[in-house]
Amino acid sequence: MYSLNELLKDTVLQGGSDLHLTVGVPPMIRISGYLRKLGEEVLHQEDVKKFAKEILKERFEEYDSHGEKDLAYSLSNVGRFRVNIFKQRGSDAIAMRVVNSKTPTLEALNHPPILKELCKKRRGLVLVTGPTGSGKSTTLAAMINEINEKRNEHIITLEDPIEYLHSHKKCIVNQREIGKDSISYSESLKSLLREDPDIILIGEMRDLETISIAITAAETGHLVLSTLHTIGSAKTIDRIIDVFPVHQQQQIKVQLAAVLQGIISQQLIPSLDGKRVAALETMIITPAIQNQIREGKTHQIDSAIQTGSKFGMQTMDMSLTKLVKSGQVDINVAKDYSVDGEMFDRLMMY
C-alpha cells in the first residue's frame, strides 16, 4: 500500500520533476524528462481515489462533478506541488509537478541578459511561450523576482494554481489563485485594473477574453507578463491574432504591434550532466517587427530574429549551438531539438 506523503518525498529526494498516479500502473516519476517506476505494485482505483480525496479534501465533490481540478498542494518539510487531478476511463488520475521552494533568479537559470532589460519596461506585453513542462512558470517567477528586487511598485499575479510564493521585497506582491481567491480568470480580470497594479502576471492567456484584457492592460500603462503554449515567436503572434474573429484581426494586429515588448520561447533540453537546460529563442520588438505584425507578414519574423543579435535576439537554433559549444548539451541531442537542421549545422561551423 502506497502512502502519498512517501511518494512525494521519494519524488523530491530522487530529483524528480513530476509524479504520475494512474490506475493499472505503478507510481511513475519523471527524472530529466523520462518516466521511471517508483515501486512495482500497480495502483488500484481505490488507491488513486484515496489520494485525490487526501489532496482535495472539501473540494473533492466539485472535482467529481466537473471531471478535473487544478490546485497547489504543500507538504511540510518536503515542498510545494502543482496538481492536476482528472478523470480518465472512469477512474481518477493525478499529475503532480514539483515546485522549487526557492524563488528562482534569472542568474541561477543562466538566462540571457535581455530578460533583465525586459523586466525594466514600464508598460507593454511580455510573453513566455513553450510546450507544457518547458519551464515557463519558472522563467516568469524569476522575472517577477527581478522586478520585486529592483522596483518599488505593485505586482498582482493571477495563477491557476499559485506555484512560486513571492515575498514583499521592494514591491507589494499580491498573488491571487483562481478557484480559491477568485471564481475564475474572467472574474479576476474584470476587477484587475481597479486594483491599482503596475505589473500584472496572468498565468496563461487561455482565450479571447483573457488576451483582450491583457492587451488592454498593456495599452493603459501596465507591464503585463503571461504565457502561451506555443513554440516560436511567429507562431505565438499568429495564435493570438487567430483567436479573434476575422473582422477584428486587423485591429488586433495594430494593437499587438503597439504593446508587444518581447517573446521568450523556450524548451528544456537533456544536458550532459543528466539534468535539463533551457534553450531560449528571444524576440525583442523593433520598428521592423512592428511593421511585420501590422502587415500580417509574421513569416518574416524569424529572419528578423536571426539578424537581430544587437538587440538581444537569438533564434532557437542559435541558442542550441551555444549550449553545444559551451559543453552543456550533446550535438546530436541539440540537433534533435533544432527548428532547422541545416541552419543548425551551418551555425555549428562558425
Foldseek 3Di string as FASTA:
>chain_A
DDDPVVVLQVCVVVQFFKWKADAPAAIWTAAQRDIDHPDGDGDHQVRQLVVLCVFQPVCVVVCVVVFKAWEKGADPPRAIWTKIWGDDPRGIMIMIGGFDQDQDACVVQVHFPVLLVLLPDQFFEEEEEAAPPFCSVNSVSNSVVSNQAPDQFEEEEEDQADRYDDDRHSYHYHYHGDPPNHPHPLVCLVCVVVVRGREYEYAACDALSSLVSQLVRRVVGHYYYYYYHDADDLVVLVVNLVRDDPVCSLVVLLSNLVGHAKYKYWGWFQWPVRHTHIQIFIDGRDPVVSVCSNVVVSVCRVVVLPPVVVSVGDGSLLSLLVCVVVRTHPPVRSLVVDPDNVVSVVSNVD
